[in-house]
């Protein structure tokens, strides 16, 4: 029961001294969520009130079923952008149909994540490499930022790619509303200043309050400054999302993308925070169940897809959160806001919400990672850039598909062309190392020692054989080959056949074959494949020095039939 209801673990051991930290952190995050939730709802193409709906029930559900005690679940910029781009293909932004599809999307995301957790499929997200994720996130952050420029400038710009947005801005430059622009710039500067001063100060709430007061006192709406307008109060009524097979088929690519991206963002920050706390563990599959249920139940209360957010989680941890009770306090604050405070958001400028979004996503542009990859791994840098440029040019969903394909190609390449080393002996004769990396080792005459750093199976057997024959061709007078099998942890039928063919072909050239340091499971498969008998027990030894010693001290003739010495194992 505790495995599926992690809340039992921290409730049973709850300490009185934790209540202060949970309450303080919960209220702080709740204060952040009010403006952020409304801003991200606008980014998703929904009325701002839906951001508050998504900040209530999902938080409580995750606190019950999630394993992280500091993760702050709710609306996030990345998911909001995916909602806008995915649902926007089938309905006009902000329309009732759009809202219906966004809520259905939450249900679909929840079902996908819950199913993945139930069937323990959390490992699937490992196929998206870090450079691909970083490139996609950086490009998505730029797309989000450019999508908010129209609100910042007070002009109408149709939806489109980044380059199309830039062209439209240039074409409409004379229509910029100066008061809106100045208000947005002031909001950005204030947010950055507050963030630098103290990250625990609720900068978004401060500029929301200042924006509302400014609009009211100076009648900025008369100068063309757009405001949120009427925000309906009260809690969302319970209702089942409209389920339609045709709509589900249309939304499935977006739902899958949000499921993976949302989980990766959530699990990354959850594990980063958990390292500071040693009193609990993160369970990947239970996290999928917790996020899935948060989205499923949230969809019954008009919530759009949610996940764990970086900035709010950091604030939650810094605020002293010890358990999921902090998230429940945050949800209670949002509920109070929905019941009693929505009227006060009428004069909230949309430029202020855009400023909140732009500052929040600015940190997602990972220039430092790009520099690091350029210096350390050019291949990963190319992956980063291809994914980033592909996302900018092709679009969000196409970008993540491109990244996934690139990740799989890299995986396939790495397993097809693993690292293989030719080993040489040190001067003292005790250590055998890669001759390409160590200058103090020397390759033995007439003896080729190979270390294959991977399992030997269908994906790489041809590369293995090609490498061996290339070494034989490039090295004079090879009489013996020693395969260091220490890194080989598995071998399949293709590997068995490849070894058999290699050994027989080597004998035609009077080259003896030895294997050393074979692991038990691999030895069992060699036995079943009758390779132990083919190689000869005398040529299967414990380590390289033992094999070299046997070869160098051999004083008896070769067995003409088998092509190798018949001396017993030592």
Protein backbone atom coordinates (compact mmCIF):
# COMPACT_ATOMS: atom_id res chain seq x y z
CA UNK A 1 0.00 0.00 0.00
CA UNK A 2 2.82 2.43 0.85
CA UNK A 3 4.34 1.85 -2.57
CA UNK A 4 1.21 3.15 -4.30
CA UNK A 5 0.31 5.77 -1.67
CA UNK A 6 3.58 7.52 -0.77
CA UNK A 7 1.61 10.01 1.35
CA UNK A 8 1.37 7.27 4.02
CA UNK A 9 5.16 7.29 4.44
CA UNK A 10 5.50 10.97 5.32
CA UNK A 11 2.19 11.28 7.17
CA UNK A 12 3.07 8.43 9.53
CA UNK A 13 6.44 9.97 10.38
CA UNK A 14 5.37 13.62 10.27
CA UNK A 15 7.13 15.86 12.79
CA UNK A 16 5.63 18.96 14.39
CA UNK A 17 8.64 21.08 13.50
CA UNK A 18 7.97 20.49 9.80
CA UNK A 19 4.64 22.33 9.75
CA UNK A 20 6.27 25.77 9.69
CA UNK A 21 8.42 24.98 6.65
CA UNK A 22 5.56 23.30 4.79
CA UNK A 23 3.21 26.21 5.46
CA UNK A 24 5.76 28.87 4.51
CA UNK A 25 6.87 27.08 1.34
CA UNK A 26 3.30 26.20 0.36
CA UNK A 27 2.09 29.79 0.64
CA UNK A 28 5.15 31.12 -1.21
CA UNK A 29 4.67 28.70 -4.11
CA UNK A 30 0.93 29.41 -4.09
CA UNK A 31 1.63 33.12 -4.42
CA UNK A 32 3.95 32.34 -7.38
CA UNK A 33 1.35 30.06 -8.95
CA UNK A 34 -1.39 32.69 -9.15
CA UNK A 35 0.33 34.89 -11.75
CA UNK A 36 2.32 32.05 -13.34
CA UNK A 37 -0.74 29.85 -13.75
CA UNK A 38 -2.65 32.66 -15.43
CA UNK A 39 0.34 33.49 -17.64
CA UNK A 40 0.86 29.90 -18.73
CA UNK A 41 -2.84 29.47 -19.45
CA UNK A 42 -2.59 32.47 -21.79
CA UNK A 43 0.50 30.91 -23.39
CA UNK A 44 -1.46 27.67 -23.87
CA UNK A 45 -4.20 29.64 -25.65
CA UNK A 46 -6.70 29.39 -22.79
CA UNK A 47 -8.44 32.05 -20.68
CA UNK A 48 -6.26 32.89 -17.62
CA UNK A 49 -8.73 31.36 -15.15
CA UNK A 50 -7.85 27.88 -16.45
CA UNK A 51 -4.34 28.35 -15.12
CA UNK A 52 -5.83 28.60 -11.63
CA UNK A 53 -8.00 25.53 -12.24
CA UNK A 54 -4.84 23.61 -13.17
CA UNK A 55 -3.21 24.75 -9.91
CA UNK A 56 -5.68 23.16 -7.48
CA UNK A 57 -6.76 19.52 -7.76
CA UNK A 58 -3.63 18.27 -9.62
CA UNK A 59 -1.42 19.54 -6.78
CA UNK A 60 -3.41 17.64 -4.17
CA UNK A 61 -3.51 14.42 -6.22
CA UNK A 62 0.24 14.49 -6.80
CA UNK A 63 0.89 15.11 -3.09
CA UNK A 64 -0.95 11.83 -2.40
CA UNK A 65 0.56 9.65 -5.12
CA UNK A 66 3.93 11.27 -5.98
CA UNK A 67 7.21 10.22 -4.39
CA UNK A 68 8.91 13.63 -4.40
CA UNK A 69 8.16 15.71 -1.31
CA UNK A 70 9.34 19.00 -2.79
CA UNK A 71 8.22 18.80 -6.44
CA UNK A 72 5.86 21.69 -7.27
CA UNK A 73 3.37 20.40 -9.85
CA UNK A 74 1.30 22.77 -11.96
CA UNK A 75 1.26 24.64 -15.27
CA UNK A 76 4.69 25.05 -16.94
CA UNK A 77 5.78 27.03 -20.00
CA UNK A 78 7.00 24.07 -22.09
CA UNK A 79 3.77 22.10 -21.75
CA UNK A 80 1.70 25.24 -22.33
CA UNK A 81 3.50 25.84 -25.62
CA UNK A 82 2.93 22.23 -26.69
CA UNK A 83 -0.80 22.64 -25.91
CA UNK A 84 -0.97 25.81 -27.98
CA UNK A 85 0.84 24.33 -30.99
CA UNK A 86 -0.87 20.92 -30.81
CA UNK A 87 -4.47 21.88 -30.11
CA UNK A 88 -4.16 25.04 -32.23
CA UNK A 89 -4.07 22.84 -35.34
CA UNK A 90 -7.68 21.79 -34.79
CA UNK A 91 -9.40 24.77 -33.13
CA UNK A 92 -9.12 28.53 -32.86
CA UNK A 93 -7.05 29.75 -29.90
CA UNK A 94 -9.27 30.55 -26.92
CA UNK A 95 -12.46 29.16 -28.45
CA UNK A 96 -14.79 26.83 -26.54
CA UNK A 97 -13.71 23.99 -28.83
CA UNK A 98 -10.06 24.75 -28.05
CA UNK A 99 -10.79 24.64 -24.31
CA UNK A 100 -12.61 21.31 -24.70
CA UNK A 101 -9.68 19.79 -26.59
CA UNK A 102 -7.14 21.08 -24.05
CA UNK A 103 -9.05 19.43 -21.21
CA UNK A 104 -9.36 16.19 -23.21
CA UNK A 105 -5.61 16.42 -23.79
CA UNK A 106 -5.05 16.46 -20.02
CA UNK A 107 -7.02 13.24 -19.71
CA UNK A 108 -5.04 11.62 -22.53
CA UNK A 109 -1.70 12.69 -21.06
CA UNK A 110 -2.78 11.35 -17.68
CA UNK A 111 -3.83 7.98 -19.09
CA UNK A 112 -0.55 7.64 -21.03
CA UNK A 113 1.61 8.52 -18.02
CA UNK A 114 -0.42 6.36 -15.63
CA UNK A 115 -0.21 3.39 -18.03
CA UNK A 116 3.55 3.83 -18.44
CA UNK A 117 3.97 3.84 -14.67
CA UNK A 118 1.68 0.85 -14.20
CA UNK A 119 3.59 -1.21 -16.75
CA UNK A 120 6.94 0.14 -15.49
CA UNK A 121 7.90 1.79 -18.76
CA UNK A 122 9.67 4.79 -17.27
CA UNK A 123 12.92 3.69 -18.93
CA UNK A 124 11.54 4.69 -22.37
CA UNK A 125 12.39 8.35 -21.81
CA UNK A 126 16.06 7.35 -21.55
CA UNK A 127 16.11 7.14 -25.35
CA UNK A 128 16.09 10.94 -25.52
CA UNK A 129 19.69 11.97 -24.96
CA UNK A 130 20.65 15.01 -22.89
CA UNK A 131 22.00 17.07 -25.85
CA UNK A 132 18.72 16.48 -27.72
CA UNK A 133 16.64 17.54 -24.72
CA UNK A 134 18.82 20.61 -24.14
CA UNK A 135 18.60 21.61 -27.82
CA UNK A 136 14.84 21.14 -27.92
CA UNK A 137 14.31 23.03 -24.65
CA UNK A 138 16.48 25.94 -25.77
CA UNK A 139 14.65 26.24 -29.10
CA UNK A 140 11.26 25.92 -27.41
CA UNK A 141 12.23 28.70 -24.99
CA UNK A 142 12.99 30.96 -27.96
CA UNK A 143 9.67 30.06 -29.58
CA UNK A 144 7.85 30.84 -26.33
CA UNK A 145 9.64 34.15 -26.00
CA UNK A 146 8.83 35.22 -29.55
CA UNK A 147 5.21 34.12 -29.15
CA UNK A 148 4.81 36.68 -26.36
CA UNK A 149 6.27 39.65 -28.23
CA UNK A 150 2.88 40.60 -29.64
CA UNK A 151 1.51 41.07 -26.11
CA UNK A 152 4.62 42.99 -25.13
CA UNK A 153 4.33 45.35 -28.10
CA UNK A 154 0.56 45.61 -28.11
CA UNK A 155 0.18 44.56 -31.76
CA UNK A 156 -1.64 41.75 -33.52
CA UNK A 157 0.68 39.15 -35.04
CA UNK A 158 -0.63 35.88 -36.53
CA UNK A 159 0.76 32.60 -35.23
CA UNK A 160 3.73 31.23 -37.12
CA UNK A 161 7.35 30.12 -37.01
CA UNK A 162 10.01 32.31 -35.39
CA UNK A 163 11.18 33.79 -38.68
CA UNK A 164 7.58 34.56 -39.67
CA UNK A 165 7.05 36.31 -36.33
CA UNK A 166 10.15 38.43 -36.89
CA UNK A 167 8.95 39.42 -40.37
CA UNK A 168 5.52 40.39 -38.99
CA UNK A 169 7.10 42.47 -36.23
CA UNK A 170 9.13 44.43 -38.79
CA UNK A 171 6.06 44.93 -40.97
CA UNK A 172 3.97 46.17 -38.02
CA UNK A 173 6.65 48.18 -36.25
CA UNK A 174 4.73 51.45 -36.66
CA UNK A 175 1.71 49.97 -34.84
CA UNK A 176 3.52 49.34 -31.55
CA UNK A 177 1.56 50.60 -28.54
CA UNK A 178 4.15 52.60 -26.58
CA UNK A 179 2.44 52.45 -23.13
CA UNK A 180 2.10 48.65 -23.47
CA UNK A 181 5.72 48.31 -24.51
CA UNK A 182 7.01 50.48 -21.65
CA UNK A 183 4.83 48.60 -19.17
CA UNK A 184 6.15 45.23 -20.40
CA UNK A 185 9.78 46.33 -20.34
CA UNK A 186 9.34 47.74 -16.82
CA UNK A 187 7.83 44.42 -15.72
CA UNK A 188 10.77 42.45 -17.17
CA UNK A 189 13.34 44.73 -15.53
CA UNK A 190 11.53 44.49 -12.18
CA UNK A 191 11.36 40.69 -12.36
CA UNK A 192 15.05 40.38 -13.17
CA UNK A 193 15.99 42.81 -10.38
CA UNK A 194 13.89 40.99 -7.79
CA UNK A 195 15.25 37.64 -8.94
CA UNK A 196 18.82 38.86 -8.52
CA UNK A 197 18.05 40.43 -5.14
CA UNK A 198 16.39 37.37 -3.58
CA UNK A 199 14.86 34.41 -5.42
CA UNK A 200 12.41 33.81 -2.60
CA UNK A 201 10.71 37.19 -3.13
CA UNK A 202 7.55 36.59 -5.24
CA UNK A 203 8.51 38.84 -8.14
CA UNK A 204 5.61 37.75 -10.39
CA UNK A 205 3.07 38.63 -7.71
CA UNK A 206 4.71 42.02 -7.16
CA UNK A 207 4.50 43.04 -10.81
CA UNK A 208 0.94 41.70 -11.06
CA UNK A 209 -0.11 43.93 -8.17
CA UNK A 210 1.81 46.92 -9.56
CA UNK A 211 0.35 46.35 -13.01
CA UNK A 212 -3.23 46.18 -11.73
CA UNK A 213 -2.75 49.31 -9.61
CA UNK A 214 -1.06 51.16 -12.49
CA UNK A 215 -3.86 50.38 -14.95
CA UNK A 216 -6.50 51.43 -12.43
CA UNK A 217 -4.84 54.69 -11.31
CA UNK A 218 -3.66 55.93 -14.71
CA UNK A 219 -6.54 54.53 -16.80
CA UNK A 220 -4.07 52.80 -19.12
CA UNK A 221 -6.85 50.95 -20.95
CA UNK A 222 -7.80 54.25 -22.56
CA UNK A 223 -4.26 54.35 -23.99
CA UNK A 224 -4.67 50.94 -25.65
CA UNK A 225 -3.19 48.72 -22.92
CA UNK A 226 -4.90 45.31 -23.06
CA UNK A 227 -6.08 43.75 -19.79
CA UNK A 228 -7.30 40.29 -18.82
CA UNK A 229 -10.85 41.53 -18.25
CA UNK A 230 -13.49 39.64 -16.35
CA UNK A 231 -12.24 36.53 -14.58
CA UNK A 232 -15.03 34.19 -13.46
CA UNK A 233 -14.94 33.24 -9.80
CA UNK A 234 -15.78 30.01 -8.01
CA UNK A 235 -14.44 26.48 -8.20
CA UNK A 236 -14.64 24.46 -11.42
CA UNK A 237 -17.56 22.05 -11.53
CA UNK A 238 -16.89 18.32 -11.77
CA UNK A 239 -17.47 17.00 -15.29
CA UNK A 240 -16.07 14.30 -17.56
CA UNK A 241 -14.05 15.53 -20.55
CA UNK A 242 -15.71 14.99 -23.91
CA UNK A 243 -14.26 11.76 -25.29
CA UNK A 244 -14.29 11.31 -29.05
CA UNK A 245 -12.26 8.68 -30.90
CA UNK A 246 -11.57 10.96 -33.86
CA UNK A 247 -10.36 13.76 -31.58
CA UNK A 248 -8.21 11.34 -29.60
CA UNK A 249 -6.53 10.19 -32.80
CA UNK A 250 -5.83 13.80 -33.76
CA UNK A 251 -4.43 14.73 -30.37
CA UNK A 252 -2.42 11.54 -29.81
CA UNK A 253 0.94 12.88 -31.15
CA UNK A 254 0.64 15.97 -28.93
CA UNK A 255 -0.42 13.85 -25.94
CA UNK A 256 2.57 11.54 -26.36
CA UNK A 257 4.94 14.49 -26.70
CA UNK A 258 3.60 16.19 -23.56
CA UNK A 259 3.69 12.89 -21.66
CA UNK A 260 7.38 12.36 -22.38
CA UNK A 261 8.55 15.96 -22.15
CA UNK A 262 6.49 16.64 -19.03
CA UNK A 263 7.80 13.55 -17.28
CA UNK A 264 11.41 14.28 -18.21
CA UNK A 265 11.16 17.84 -16.91
CA UNK A 266 9.50 16.63 -13.73
CA UNK A 267 11.80 13.70 -12.97
CA UNK A 268 14.91 15.79 -13.66
CA UNK A 269 14.07 18.46 -11.09
CA UNK A 270 12.66 15.90 -8.63
CA UNK A 271 15.91 13.93 -8.60
CA UNK A 272 18.01 17.09 -8.40
CA UNK A 273 16.15 18.21 -5.27
CA UNK A 274 16.04 14.72 -3.75
CA UNK A 275 19.85 14.65 -3.62
CA UNK A 276 19.62 17.22 -0.81
CA UNK A 277 17.25 15.01 1.19
CA UNK A 278 18.20 11.51 2.30
CA UNK A 279 14.92 10.55 3.99
CA UNK A 280 13.11 9.33 0.85
CA UNK A 281 13.73 7.93 -2.64
CA UNK A 282 12.35 8.86 -6.06
CA UNK A 283 10.56 6.02 -7.87
CA UNK A 284 10.38 6.74 -11.61
CA UNK A 285 7.37 4.56 -12.26
CA UNK A 286 5.45 5.82 -9.23
CA UNK A 287 6.21 9.37 -10.42
CA UNK A 288 4.51 8.49 -13.70
CA UNK A 289 1.52 7.16 -11.77
CA UNK A 290 1.38 10.30 -9.61
CA UNK A 291 1.63 12.70 -12.56
CA UNK A 292 -0.80 10.59 -14.56
CA UNK A 293 -3.44 10.63 -11.83
CA UNK A 294 -2.89 14.38 -11.31
CA UNK A 295 -3.71 14.97 -14.98
CA UNK A 296 -6.59 12.48 -15.10
CA UNK A 297 -8.38 13.83 -12.02
CA UNK A 298 -7.45 17.39 -12.98
CA UNK A 299 -9.21 16.97 -16.32
CA UNK A 300 -12.44 16.30 -14.40
CA UNK A 301 -12.10 19.82 -12.95
CA UNK A 302 -11.24 21.71 -16.17
CA UNK A 303 -7.45 21.54 -15.78
CA UNK A 304 -5.09 21.41 -18.75
CA UNK A 305 -1.95 19.18 -18.66
CA UNK A 306 0.47 19.87 -15.79
CA UNK A 307 3.87 18.65 -14.64
CA UNK A 308 6.63 19.53 -12.17
CA UNK A 309 8.24 22.95 -12.68
CA UNK A 310 11.89 23.92 -12.14
CA UNK A 311 11.57 27.37 -10.59
CA UNK A 312 8.65 26.64 -8.27
CA UNK A 313 10.25 23.41 -7.05
CA UNK A 314 13.45 25.28 -6.20
CA UNK A 315 11.45 27.91 -4.31
CA UNK A 316 9.46 25.18 -2.56
CA UNK A 317 12.66 23.53 -1.35
CA UNK A 318 14.30 26.80 -0.35
CA UNK A 319 11.12 27.77 1.49
CA UNK A 320 11.50 24.79 3.80
CA UNK A 321 9.08 22.23 2.35
CA UNK A 322 9.54 18.84 3.99
CA UNK A 323 6.50 16.94 2.69
CA UNK A 324 3.67 17.04 0.16
CA UNK A 325 1.66 19.04 2.66
CA UNK A 326 3.34 22.15 1.20
CA UNK A 327 1.67 21.43 -2.16
CA UNK A 328 -1.69 21.03 -0.43
CA UNK A 329 -1.25 24.45 1.22
CA UNK A 330 -0.48 25.92 -2.23
CA UNK A 331 -3.67 24.41 -3.65
CA UNK A 332 -5.72 25.77 -0.73
CA UNK A 333 -4.40 29.28 -1.41
CA UNK A 334 -5.43 28.99 -5.09
CA UNK A 335 -8.87 27.75 -4.04
CA UNK A 336 -9.30 30.78 -1.75
CA UNK A 337 -8.27 33.00 -4.67
CA UNK A 338 -10.83 31.36 -6.96
CA UNK A 339 -13.57 31.83 -4.37
CA UNK A 340 -12.93 35.40 -3.27
CA UNK A 341 -10.22 37.24 -5.26
CA UNK A 342 -10.81 36.78 -9.01
CA UNK A 343 -12.57 40.15 -9.39
CA UNK A 344 -9.32 41.92 -8.56
CA UNK A 345 -7.62 40.54 -11.69
CA UNK A 346 -9.86 42.46 -14.10
CA UNK A 347 -7.24 45.20 -14.71
CA UNK A 348 -4.27 42.83 -14.98
CA UNK A 349 -2.31 43.82 -18.16
CA UNK A 350 -1.58 41.00 -20.58
CA UNK A 351 1.86 42.58 -21.10
CA UNK A 352 2.66 41.77 -17.46
CA UNK A 353 1.72 38.12 -17.96
CA UNK A 354 3.90 38.04 -21.07
CA UNK A 355 6.79 39.48 -19.07
CA UNK A 356 6.38 36.70 -16.49
CA UNK A 357 6.50 34.06 -19.24
CA UNK A 358 9.51 35.57 -21.01
CA UNK A 359 11.59 35.87 -17.84
CA UNK A 360 10.63 32.34 -16.76
CA UNK A 361 11.71 30.74 -20.04
CA UNK A 362 14.86 32.86 -20.43
CA UNK A 363 16.74 30.45 -18.15
CA UNK A 364 15.78 27.51 -20.38
CA UNK A 365 18.03 28.76 -23.19
CA UNK A 366 21.06 26.63 -22.38
CA UNK A 367 23.97 28.53 -23.93
CA UNK A 368 26.33 27.14 -21.28
CA UNK A 369 25.48 23.58 -22.31
CA UNK A 370 26.15 24.38 -25.96
CA UNK A 371 29.60 25.78 -25.05
CA UNK A 372 30.32 22.75 -22.88
CA UNK A 373 29.40 20.32 -25.66
CA UNK A 374 31.53 22.25 -28.17
CA UNK A 375 34.53 21.88 -25.87
CA UNK A 376 33.98 18.28 -24.77
CA UNK A 377 32.01 16.38 -27.44
CA UNK A 378 31.53 17.80 -30.92
CA UNK A 379 29.17 14.99 -31.92
CA UNK A 380 26.82 15.83 -29.06
CA UNK A 381 27.13 19.52 -30.00
CA UNK A 382 25.94 18.67 -33.52
CA UNK A 383 22.96 16.80 -32.02
CA UNK A 384 22.18 19.83 -29.86
CA UNK A 385 22.29 22.22 -32.81
CA UNK A 386 20.36 20.00 -35.25
CA UNK A 387 17.57 19.55 -32.70
CA UNK A 388 17.50 23.26 -31.81
CA UNK A 389 17.51 24.49 -35.41
CA UNK A 390 15.05 21.77 -36.46
CA UNK A 391 12.64 22.80 -33.72
CA UNK A 392 12.90 26.48 -34.66
CA UNK A 393 12.40 25.84 -38.37
CA UNK A 394 9.99 22.91 -38.40
CA UNK A 395 8.01 23.42 -35.19
CA UNK A 396 7.66 22.03 -31.67
CA UNK A 397 6.31 18.53 -32.36
CA UNK A 398 8.45 18.05 -35.43
CA UNK A 399 11.48 19.16 -33.42
CA UNK A 400 10.99 16.61 -30.65
CA UNK A 401 10.36 13.84 -33.22
CA UNK A 402 13.59 14.84 -34.95
CA UNK A 403 15.38 14.74 -31.59
CA UNK A 404 13.97 11.31 -30.78
CA UNK A 405 15.06 9.94 -34.16
CA UNK A 406 18.54 11.41 -33.72
CA UNK A 407 18.79 9.89 -30.24
CA UNK A 408 17.86 6.45 -31.58
CA UNK A 409 20.36 6.79 -34.42
CA UNK A 410 23.10 7.59 -31.91
CA UNK A 411 22.10 4.59 -29.78
CA UNK A 412 22.13 2.29 -32.81
CA UNK A 413 25.48 3.67 -33.95
CA UNK A 414 27.06 3.24 -30.51
CA UNK A 415 25.93 -0.36 -30.15
CA UNK A 416 26.92 -1.19 -33.73
CA UNK A 417 30.40 0.35 -33.42
CA UNK A 418 31.52 -0.14 -29.81
CA UNK A 419 34.98 0.65 -28.51
CA UNK A 420 37.61 -1.99 -29.32
CA UNK A 421 41.21 -1.80 -28.10
CA UNK A 422 44.45 -3.51 -29.02
CA UNK A 423 46.39 -4.11 -25.79
CA UNK A 424 50.11 -3.95 -25.16
CA UNK A 425 52.28 -5.03 -22.23
CA UNK A 426 53.88 -2.65 -19.75
CA UNK A 427 57.62 -2.73 -19.16
CA UNK A 428 57.27 -4.67 -15.92
CA UNK A 429 55.13 -7.26 -17.70
CA UNK A 430 52.26 -7.00 -15.23
CA UNK A 431 49.75 -4.66 -16.90
CA UNK A 432 48.10 -4.77 -20.34
CA UNK A 433 46.66 -1.50 -21.68
CA UNK A 434 45.36 0.16 -24.83
CA UNK A 435 48.34 0.88 -27.08
CA UNK A 436 46.56 3.97 -28.47
CA UNK A 437 46.28 5.61 -25.04
CA UNK A 438 49.39 4.58 -23.15
CA UNK A 439 52.91 5.21 -24.43
CA UNK A 440 54.59 2.96 -21.86
CA UNK A 441 53.10 -0.26 -23.29
CA UNK A 442 54.32 -2.25 -26.26
CA UNK A 443 52.44 -4.61 -28.53
CA UNK A 444 53.77 -8.17 -28.37
CA UNK A 445 55.36 -9.75 -31.39
CA UNK A 446 53.24 -12.44 -33.05
CA UNK A 447 50.51 -12.00 -30.37
CA UNK A 448 47.45 -9.80 -30.96
CA UNK A 449 45.48 -8.98 -27.78
CA UNK A 450 42.02 -7.50 -28.35
CA UNK A 451 39.56 -6.15 -25.78
CA UNK A 452 35.96 -5.83 -27.00
CA UNK A 453 34.09 -3.33 -24.78
CA UNK A 454 30.49 -4.45 -25.39
CA UNK A 455 28.23 -7.43 -25.58
CA UNK A 456 28.80 -9.48 -28.73
CA UNK A 457 25.55 -9.80 -30.63
CA UNK A 458 23.85 -9.36 -33.99
CA UNK A 459 24.23 -5.55 -34.09
CA UNK A 460 28.03 -5.52 -33.86
CA UNK A 461 29.36 -8.95 -34.92
CA UNK A 462 30.33 -7.74 -38.39
CA UNK A 463 32.21 -4.80 -36.90
CA UNK A 464 33.99 -7.18 -34.52
CA UNK A 465 35.10 -9.52 -37.32
CA UNK A 466 36.12 -6.62 -39.57
CA UNK A 467 38.24 -5.17 -36.77
CA UNK A 468 40.02 -8.48 -36.13
CA UNK A 469 40.80 -9.03 -39.83
CA UNK A 470 41.96 -5.43 -40.21
CA UNK A 471 44.43 -5.94 -37.35
CA UNK A 472 45.61 -9.23 -38.81
CA UNK A 473 46.18 -7.55 -42.17
CA UNK A 474 48.02 -4.57 -40.68
CA UNK A 475 50.22 -6.50 -38.22
CA UNK A 476 53.04 -8.72 -39.41
CA UNK A 477 53.47 -12.36 -38.42
CA UNK A 478 50.41 -12.75 -36.16
CA UNK A 479 50.49 -16.27 -34.76
CA UNK A 480 48.07 -15.97 -31.81
CA UNK A 481 45.01 -13.83 -31.01
CA UNK A 482 43.85 -13.36 -27.41
CA UNK A 483 40.33 -12.02 -26.91
CA UNK A 484 39.93 -10.30 -23.53
CA UNK A 485 36.28 -11.15 -22.78
CA UNK A 486 36.11 -9.31 -19.46
CA UNK A 487 33.84 -6.48 -20.80
CA UNK A 488 31.60 -8.91 -22.74
CA UNK A 489 28.55 -9.49 -20.54
CA UNK A 490 26.37 -11.21 -23.12
CA UNK A 491 26.58 -13.07 -26.41
CA UNK A 492 23.70 -14.15 -28.65
CA UNK A 493 23.38 -16.75 -31.41
CA UNK A 494 24.78 -14.31 -33.99
CA UNK A 495 27.81 -13.77 -31.77
CA UNK A 496 28.26 -17.52 -31.41
CA UNK A 497 28.17 -18.02 -35.19
CA UNK A 498 30.53 -15.10 -35.76
CA UNK A 499 33.09 -16.47 -33.29
CA UNK A 500 32.84 -19.93 -34.82
CA UNK A 501 33.41 -18.61 -38.35
CA UNK A 502 36.27 -16.40 -37.15
CA UNK A 503 38.05 -19.25 -35.34
CA UNK A 504 37.76 -21.59 -38.32
CA UNK A 505 38.98 -18.91 -40.73
CA UNK A 506 41.91 -18.07 -38.45
CA UNK A 507 42.96 -21.72 -38.40
CA UNK A 508 43.15 -21.67 -42.17
CA UNK A 509 45.86 -19.05 -41.66
CA UNK A 510 47.51 -21.03 -38.81
CA UNK A 511 46.51 -18.42 -36.24
CA UNK A 512 45.60 -19.72 -32.77
CA UNK A 513 42.66 -18.21 -30.88
CA UNK A 514 42.45 -17.73 -27.09
CA UNK A 515 39.77 -16.30 -24.80
CA UNK A 516 40.39 -15.02 -21.28
CA UNK A 517 38.34 -13.75 -18.34
CA UNK A 518 35.00 -15.07 -19.59
CA UNK A 519 31.99 -14.27 -17.40
CA UNK A 520 29.78 -17.13 -16.22
CA UNK A 521 26.66 -16.38 -18.31
CA UNK A 522 28.80 -15.93 -21.44
CA UNK A 523 30.69 -19.15 -20.72
CA UNK A 524 27.36 -20.99 -20.39
CA UNK A 525 26.27 -19.81 -23.84
CA UNK A 526 29.63 -20.75 -25.33
CA UNK A 527 29.20 -24.19 -23.84
CA UNK A 528 25.71 -24.61 -25.29
CA UNK A 529 26.95 -23.37 -28.64
CA UNK A 530 29.79 -25.96 -28.55
CA UNK A 531 32.39 -23.20 -28.77
CA UNK A 532 34.22 -24.33 -25.63
CA UNK A 533 35.06 -27.56 -27.40
CA UNK A 534 35.92 -25.75 -30.63
CA UNK A 535 38.25 -23.27 -28.95
CA UNK A 536 39.73 -25.90 -26.66
CA UNK A 537 39.77 -25.77 -22.88
CA UNK A 538 43.51 -25.18 -22.91
CA UNK A 539 42.91 -21.93 -24.79
CA UNK A 540 40.33 -20.59 -22.34
CA UNK A 541 42.23 -19.00 -19.46
CA UNK A 542 41.64 -16.78 -16.45
CA UNK A 543 43.52 -13.66 -17.57
CA UNK A 544 45.82 -12.16 -20.19
CA UNK A 545 49.17 -12.75 -18.37
CA UNK A 546 48.28 -16.43 -17.99
CA UNK A 547 47.54 -16.74 -21.71
CA UNK A 548 50.68 -14.85 -22.75
CA UNK A 549 52.77 -16.97 -20.41
CA UNK A 550 51.30 -20.14 -21.90
CA UNK A 551 52.06 -19.00 -25.45
CA UNK A 552 55.58 -17.77 -24.74
CA UNK A 553 56.54 -20.90 -22.81
CA UNK A 554 54.94 -23.45 -25.12
CA UNK A 555 57.51 -26.18 -25.90
CA UNK A 556 55.40 -28.85 -27.52
CA UNK A 557 54.23 -29.25 -31.13
CA UNK A 558 50.84 -28.09 -32.34
CA UNK A 559 48.01 -30.55 -32.80
CA UNK A 560 47.66 -30.71 -36.57
CA UNK A 561 43.97 -31.52 -36.44
CA UNK A 562 42.91 -28.72 -34.06
CA UNK A 563 45.48 -26.09 -34.94
CA UNK A 564 46.39 -25.17 -31.37
CA UNK A 565 48.52 -26.49 -28.51
CA UNK A 566 47.08 -29.42 -26.56
CA UNK A 567 48.59 -28.39 -23.23
CA UNK A 568 46.07 -28.54 -20.37
CA UNK A 569 44.83 -25.40 -18.66
CA UNK A 570 47.08 -23.91 -15.95
